[in-house]
Each structure stands twice: as C-alpha cells, then as structure tokens.
Amino acid sequence: AAGILALAKQVQPAMETRLAKHLLARTCFQVDPNDSTIKGGGDGTTAGSAWKTNAAGFQFNENYGFGLIRADALVQQASAFKGVTPLETETTGTISVSASIPDNSVAGISRMFTLSKTTPLEEVLLTVDIRHRYRGDLEILLTSPGGTASRLACKSSSDSGDNIQWTFLSNAFWGEDPHGTWTANVRDVSARERCSGSGLPPR
C-alpha cells in the first residue's frame, strides 16, 4: 500500500491524506465477495453478505474496507485530481440516554439524532460512554438517513471487561449525504454468534 501511494504521490505531489482516501474509495475493488461474517458486516449466514453498497454507491466491508488497491487506477486518478475541498465538520454534542440495556435483546436501545449539513461524508465518529457489566455481549450499530448500517462494535467472547468509553470511526458512509436522522443502536446479543477482533478497548 505504501509503495502504491508513493507512485500516486509521484504523479500528484499535492496529494495528502484526505485526497489519498478519496482516491482509494474510488478505485479499490471487491475481494472475497462471499464473505458473510458478522465481523465483516454480514449476519453470519451465507445469505447475509458482508459487502454493502451504501447510499452513495460505494461498496464497503468491515473486514476489507473498500477492497483491494488497484495501482494503475489509483495512479491514473491521482493525476486527474489536484486536491479536495476544505474539510467540514458537524457535531451533535453529548446526547444523554439514561436507560438500561436489556440482556439478550436484539432490539436493544436506539437513539436518533439529526445532522443538518449536506456535504458528502468522509468519516463518521461516534463517542460512547456505556455502563454494562459485560461489554463482550454488546454490539453497536449506526444507521444513516440513507439506510446504510455500520456495525461499530461486535460481540466478543474474549472480552470480559465492563463498560465502554471509546470513540468509534466508520468509513462505511463515505460519499453519503449526512442530512437527516441517524440511529445509534446498542444491544446485548449474548445468544448470537460471537466474532473476534471487535476493536473494543482493553480493560
């Protein structure tokens, strides 16, 4: 990856991190199309593909991101674009929930929030402060106004710690219009299939 980005930097000296991310999202291609793992974003069955096409038309998988880098396409695109527009950000501030997460419930607890900007998304960050006796039972999902769902945290049998104080980042919504109502869902899924490498913070 570093070598391919170095080639792109040669043809476009102005390339920086944000432009590189845009080029990668535009030029990568799908690998392991049959991936159905929960860790990848599927439901753990062969019918539940982990590859999702978001509301902006980008394919994304929690295991593989946007897919495999194509050196030729990336370098070609790098020569065509000199940069990106200035970064815009929007924050909701703290939203208090003050409710218990029911054990072994796929419904869990959901809270909605709205964003007003319409500039196409790059990254979405969700900071949580969750009090729960066994965080290894928890899943956290974020759903955009366009209907794209991203699993930010996956149940992990190897995590026996309590509570979660963490900021999660997702690229699954790349290119989507952020304007509208978002839904954050936290659920205890102790009876569901577990997946490793959930990215939860160490105790």
Protein backbone atom coordinates (compact mmCIF):
# COMPACT_ATOMS: atom_id res chain seq x y z
CA ALA A 1 0.00 0.00 0.00
CA ALA A 2 2.81 2.43 0.89
CA GLY A 3 4.56 1.71 -2.40
CA ILE A 4 1.41 2.28 -4.46
CA LEU A 5 0.68 5.55 -2.66
CA ALA A 6 4.27 6.61 -3.31
CA LEU A 7 3.63 6.11 -7.04
CA ALA A 8 0.50 8.25 -6.77
CA LYS A 9 2.47 10.91 -4.90
CA GLN A 10 4.96 10.99 -7.77
CA VAL A 11 2.31 11.91 -10.31
CA GLN A 12 0.44 14.20 -7.90
CA PRO A 13 2.87 15.89 -5.46
CA ALA A 14 -0.04 17.77 -3.84
CA MET A 15 -1.64 14.52 -2.64
CA GLU A 16 -2.22 14.43 1.11
CA THR A 17 -4.13 12.07 3.40
CA ARG A 18 -7.66 13.17 2.53
CA LEU A 19 -7.08 13.09 -1.21
CA ALA A 20 -5.47 9.65 -0.86
CA LYS A 21 -8.56 8.37 0.96
CA HIS A 22 -10.85 9.73 -1.75
CA LEU A 23 -8.75 8.07 -4.45
CA LEU A 24 -8.72 4.74 -2.59
CA ALA A 25 -12.51 4.80 -2.14
CA ARG A 26 -12.96 5.48 -5.87
CA THR A 27 -10.51 2.91 -7.22
CA CYS A 28 -10.45 -0.14 -4.92
CA PHE A 29 -12.36 -3.26 -5.97
CA GLN A 30 -14.21 -6.00 -4.13
CA VAL A 31 -12.37 -9.06 -2.80
CA ASP A 32 -13.77 -12.16 -1.10
CA PRO A 33 -17.29 -11.47 -2.45
CA ASN A 34 -18.76 -14.40 -0.49
CA ASP A 35 -17.73 -13.01 2.90
CA SER A 36 -20.75 -13.26 5.21
CA THR A 37 -19.05 -12.91 8.60
CA ILE A 38 -20.54 -10.75 11.32
CA LYS A 39 -17.15 -9.12 11.72
CA GLY A 40 -17.30 -8.09 8.07
CA GLY A 41 -20.77 -6.63 8.39
CA GLY A 42 -22.91 -9.64 7.48
CA ASP A 43 -25.30 -11.62 9.64
CA GLY A 44 -23.12 -14.73 9.88
CA THR A 45 -25.01 -16.73 7.23
CA THR A 46 -24.19 -17.40 3.59
CA ALA A 47 -27.22 -15.32 2.64
CA GLY A 48 -26.07 -12.29 4.59
CA SER A 49 -23.27 -10.77 2.53
CA ALA A 50 -20.87 -8.59 4.49
CA TRP A 51 -20.37 -6.39 1.42
CA LYS A 52 -22.80 -3.47 1.45
CA THR A 53 -23.41 -0.79 -1.16
CA ASN A 54 -24.06 2.46 0.69
CA ALA A 55 -26.44 5.22 -0.33
CA ALA A 56 -23.68 6.93 -2.34
CA GLY A 57 -22.94 3.77 -4.35
CA PHE A 58 -19.68 2.80 -2.63
CA GLN A 59 -19.16 -0.86 -1.70
CA PHE A 60 -17.78 -1.36 1.81
CA ASN A 61 -16.91 -4.30 4.06
CA GLU A 62 -15.83 -4.02 7.70
CA ASN A 63 -13.10 -6.63 7.07
CA TYR A 64 -11.74 -5.21 3.81
CA GLY A 65 -12.79 -1.57 3.74
CA PHE A 66 -13.32 -0.53 0.12
CA GLY A 67 -11.41 -3.59 -1.11
CA LEU A 68 -8.12 -4.27 -2.88
CA ILE A 69 -5.97 -1.38 -4.09
CA ARG A 70 -5.54 -1.11 -7.87
CA ALA A 71 -2.22 0.62 -8.54
CA ASP A 72 -2.97 1.54 -12.15
CA ALA A 73 -6.38 3.07 -11.40
CA LEU A 74 -5.12 4.90 -8.31
CA VAL A 75 -2.19 6.48 -10.12
CA GLN A 76 -4.41 7.46 -13.05
CA GLN A 77 -6.94 9.10 -10.74
CA ALA A 78 -4.17 10.83 -8.78
CA SER A 79 -3.03 12.59 -11.93
CA ALA A 80 -6.58 13.81 -12.59
CA PHE A 81 -7.25 15.43 -9.19
CA LYS A 82 -5.13 18.11 -7.54
CA GLY A 83 -6.83 18.20 -4.15
CA VAL A 84 -10.06 18.21 -2.15
CA THR A 85 -12.38 20.90 -0.83
CA PRO A 86 -11.78 22.24 2.71
CA LEU A 87 -12.78 19.85 5.49
CA GLU A 88 -16.19 20.46 7.08
CA THR A 89 -17.30 19.02 10.41
CA GLU A 90 -20.53 18.84 12.39
CA THR A 91 -21.16 17.57 15.91
CA THR A 92 -24.32 16.77 17.83
CA GLY A 93 -22.78 17.33 21.22
CA THR A 94 -23.50 14.93 24.08
CA ILE A 95 -26.81 13.07 23.97
CA SER A 96 -27.76 11.50 27.31
CA VAL A 97 -29.68 8.22 27.23
CA SER A 98 -30.01 7.16 30.89
CA ALA A 99 -31.54 3.75 30.19
CA SER A 100 -30.50 0.17 30.91
CA ILE A 101 -29.51 -2.14 28.07
CA PRO A 102 -31.72 -5.26 28.27
CA ASP A 103 -29.91 -8.60 28.34
CA ASN A 104 -30.11 -10.85 25.28
CA SER A 105 -32.29 -8.49 23.25
CA VAL A 106 -31.73 -7.89 19.54
CA ALA A 107 -33.85 -4.75 19.84
CA GLY A 108 -31.57 -3.17 22.42
CA ILE A 109 -31.74 0.58 22.86
CA SER A 110 -31.87 3.04 19.96
CA ARG A 111 -31.47 6.81 19.98
CA MET A 112 -31.91 9.12 17.00
CA PHE A 113 -30.09 12.33 16.21
CA THR A 114 -30.07 14.69 13.24
CA LEU A 115 -27.38 16.32 11.15
CA SER A 116 -28.06 19.39 9.02
CA LYS A 117 -25.10 19.62 6.64
CA THR A 118 -25.32 18.18 3.13
CA THR A 119 -21.64 17.98 2.16
CA PRO A 120 -20.86 14.35 1.17
CA LEU A 121 -19.47 12.37 4.08
CA GLU A 122 -15.97 11.11 4.59
CA GLU A 123 -15.71 9.74 8.13
CA VAL A 124 -18.25 9.44 10.94
CA LEU A 125 -17.16 9.29 14.58
CA LEU A 126 -19.38 8.10 17.42
CA THR A 127 -18.19 8.52 21.01
CA VAL A 128 -19.92 6.33 23.58
CA ASP A 129 -19.87 6.08 27.36
CA ILE A 130 -21.71 2.85 28.15
CA ARG A 131 -22.11 1.24 31.56
CA HIS A 132 -22.60 -2.50 31.18
CA ARG A 133 -21.46 -5.43 33.28
CA TYR A 134 -20.14 -7.49 30.35
CA ARG A 135 -19.22 -5.42 27.31
CA GLY A 136 -18.29 -8.55 25.34
CA ASP A 137 -22.04 -9.14 24.90
CA LEU A 138 -22.61 -5.78 23.20
CA GLU A 139 -22.98 -4.72 19.59
CA ILE A 140 -23.12 -1.10 18.46
CA LEU A 141 -24.70 -0.19 15.14
CA LEU A 142 -25.05 3.17 13.43
CA THR A 143 -27.55 3.71 10.60
CA SER A 144 -27.52 6.70 8.27
CA PRO A 145 -30.52 8.58 6.83
CA GLY A 146 -29.79 6.72 3.58
CA GLY A 147 -30.33 3.36 5.30
CA THR A 148 -26.69 2.23 5.46
CA ALA A 149 -25.90 0.33 8.68
CA SER A 150 -22.39 0.05 10.09
CA ARG A 151 -21.51 -2.31 12.95
CA LEU A 152 -19.06 -0.33 15.07
CA ALA A 153 -18.59 -2.95 17.77
CA CYS A 154 -19.11 -6.69 17.55
CA LYS A 155 -19.73 -9.18 20.31
CA SER A 156 -16.52 -10.79 21.54
CA SER A 157 -16.25 -13.85 23.78
CA SER A 158 -12.67 -12.89 24.65
CA ASP A 159 -13.68 -9.55 26.17
CA SER A 160 -14.87 -9.99 29.76
CA GLY A 161 -14.40 -6.37 30.78
CA ASP A 162 -17.13 -3.97 31.78
CA ASN A 163 -18.24 -0.63 30.30
CA ILE A 164 -17.18 1.08 27.07
CA GLN A 165 -15.72 4.57 26.85
CA TRP A 166 -14.50 4.86 23.28
CA THR A 167 -14.68 6.81 20.02
CA PHE A 168 -15.52 4.61 17.03
CA LEU A 169 -14.85 5.68 13.44
CA SER A 170 -16.64 4.38 10.37
CA ASN A 171 -15.91 4.83 6.66
CA ALA A 172 -19.00 2.84 5.64
CA PHE A 173 -20.97 6.04 4.91
CA TRP A 174 -18.37 7.51 2.52
CA GLY A 175 -19.94 9.87 -0.01
CA GLU A 176 -23.44 9.85 1.54
CA ASP A 177 -25.47 12.97 2.25
CA PRO A 178 -25.39 13.28 6.07
CA HIS A 179 -28.52 15.44 6.28
CA GLY A 180 -31.36 13.79 8.17
CA THR A 181 -31.99 11.39 11.02
CA TRP A 182 -29.34 8.93 12.19
CA THR A 183 -29.95 5.99 14.54
CA ALA A 184 -27.46 4.62 17.06
CA ASN A 185 -28.34 1.18 18.45
CA VAL A 186 -26.68 -0.64 21.36
CA ARG A 187 -27.78 -4.19 22.09
CA ASP A 188 -26.82 -7.14 24.24
CA VAL A 189 -26.69 -10.15 21.90
CA SER A 190 -25.35 -12.83 24.22
CA ALA A 191 -27.19 -15.59 22.34
CA ARG A 192 -25.87 -14.59 18.90
CA GLU A 193 -22.72 -15.77 17.12
CA ARG A 194 -19.60 -14.15 18.51
CA CYS A 195 -16.84 -12.64 16.43
CA SER A 196 -13.26 -11.87 17.37
CA GLY A 197 -11.31 -8.69 16.78
CA SER A 198 -14.18 -6.39 17.67
CA GLY A 199 -11.95 -3.40 18.24
CA LEU A 200 -13.28 -2.78 21.74
CA PRO A 201 -10.88 -1.03 24.10
CA PRO A 202 -8.77 -3.12 26.50
CA ARG A 203 -9.90 -3.23 30.08
